[in-house]
Amino acid sequence: MEGKLRMQRNEGISGPHMLIKIIEDSKIPLGQEEAKLHSIKGEVERDLPLSREDYAFLNRLVERANEWQRGTKSSEDTEPSDTMPG
């Protein structure tokens, strides 16, 4: 029962709707993964249950999105005078 409660709590925080929003808001380049994300998004919008593989896929993309955002943020924080010439 504890595992089920933990899962429900996690769903509220990082359910598939939220995961997809994080991915889309990050504007990361998806390449071939875009089709799979689109398919999963369609399932989520129809309130269909996602497989563990789909959740794992979304979580991997969220991790990449977070890394992308950190990289973008650090690039913005670096002033041209802070970089080496040449």
Protein backbone atom coordinates (compact mmCIF):
# COMPACT_ATOMS: atom_id res chain seq x y z
CA MET A 1 0.00 0.00 0.00
CA GLU A 2 2.87 2.37 0.76
CA GLY A 3 4.17 2.02 -2.81
CA LYS A 4 0.75 2.85 -4.20
CA LEU A 5 0.49 5.98 -2.05
CA ARG A 6 3.96 7.06 -3.10
CA MET A 7 3.03 6.58 -6.76
CA GLN A 8 -0.14 8.64 -6.38
CA ARG A 9 1.83 11.42 -4.72
CA ASN A 10 4.39 11.36 -7.53
CA GLU A 11 1.64 11.42 -10.15
CA GLY A 12 0.37 14.70 -8.74
CA ILE A 13 3.82 16.24 -8.86
CA SER A 14 5.20 14.72 -12.04
CA GLY A 15 2.29 13.15 -13.85
CA PRO A 16 2.51 12.74 -17.61
CA HIS A 17 0.86 16.10 -18.30
CA MET A 18 3.52 17.89 -16.25
CA LEU A 19 6.36 15.86 -17.78
CA ILE A 20 5.22 16.70 -21.31
CA LYS A 21 4.88 20.38 -20.39
CA ILE A 22 8.45 20.45 -19.04
CA ILE A 23 9.73 18.83 -22.24
CA GLU A 24 7.80 21.15 -24.54
CA ASP A 25 8.68 24.29 -22.57
CA SER A 26 12.39 23.45 -22.70
CA LYS A 27 12.46 23.58 -26.53
CA ILE A 28 15.06 20.79 -26.64
CA PRO A 29 15.78 19.35 -30.07
CA LEU A 30 14.01 15.98 -30.20
CA GLY A 31 14.86 14.58 -33.61
CA GLN A 32 13.48 11.05 -34.02
CA GLU A 33 12.01 11.10 -30.52
CA GLU A 34 9.46 13.73 -31.53
CA ALA A 35 7.12 11.16 -33.11
CA LYS A 36 7.12 9.02 -29.97
CA LEU A 37 6.51 12.06 -27.77
CA HIS A 38 3.61 13.08 -30.01
CA SER A 39 2.13 9.58 -29.72
CA ILE A 40 2.45 9.56 -25.92
CA LYS A 41 0.95 13.06 -25.74
CA GLY A 42 -2.08 11.79 -27.67
CA GLU A 43 -2.53 8.95 -25.19
CA VAL A 44 -2.24 11.34 -22.24
CA GLU A 45 -4.80 13.71 -23.76
CA ARG A 46 -7.22 10.78 -24.13
CA ASP A 47 -6.52 9.79 -20.49
CA LEU A 48 -5.14 6.40 -21.53
CA PRO A 49 -2.76 4.69 -19.11
CA LEU A 50 0.92 4.86 -20.05
CA SER A 51 3.27 1.91 -19.97
CA ARG A 52 6.37 1.87 -17.78
CA GLU A 53 8.42 2.29 -20.96
CA ASP A 54 6.49 5.44 -21.86
CA TYR A 55 7.04 6.88 -18.37
CA ALA A 56 10.74 6.00 -18.60
CA PHE A 57 10.91 7.71 -22.01
CA LEU A 58 9.26 10.86 -20.62
CA ASN A 59 11.55 10.89 -17.60
CA ARG A 60 14.65 10.58 -19.82
CA LEU A 61 13.45 13.50 -21.92
CA VAL A 62 12.77 15.56 -18.78
CA GLU A 63 16.33 14.89 -17.60
CA ARG A 64 17.64 16.02 -21.00
CA ALA A 65 15.36 19.07 -20.86
CA ASN A 66 16.72 20.01 -17.45
CA GLU A 67 20.31 19.63 -18.69
CA TRP A 68 19.44 21.69 -21.78
CA GLN A 69 17.96 24.43 -19.58
CA ARG A 70 21.05 24.45 -17.34
CA GLY A 71 23.27 24.75 -20.42
CA THR A 72 21.15 27.53 -21.86
CA LYS A 73 21.11 29.35 -18.52
CA SER A 74 24.88 29.12 -18.06
CA SER A 75 25.40 30.41 -21.62
CA GLU A 76 23.22 33.41 -20.86
CA ASP A 77 25.09 34.03 -17.61
CA THR A 78 28.47 34.10 -19.34
CA GLU A 79 29.27 37.64 -20.36
CA PRO A 80 31.31 38.14 -23.54
CA SER A 81 34.06 39.72 -21.41
CA ASP A 82 34.24 36.50 -19.37
CA THR A 83 35.23 34.39 -22.37
CA MET A 84 38.70 33.94 -23.77
CA PRO A 85 39.41 35.92 -26.94
CA GLY A 86 40.01 34.06 -30.17
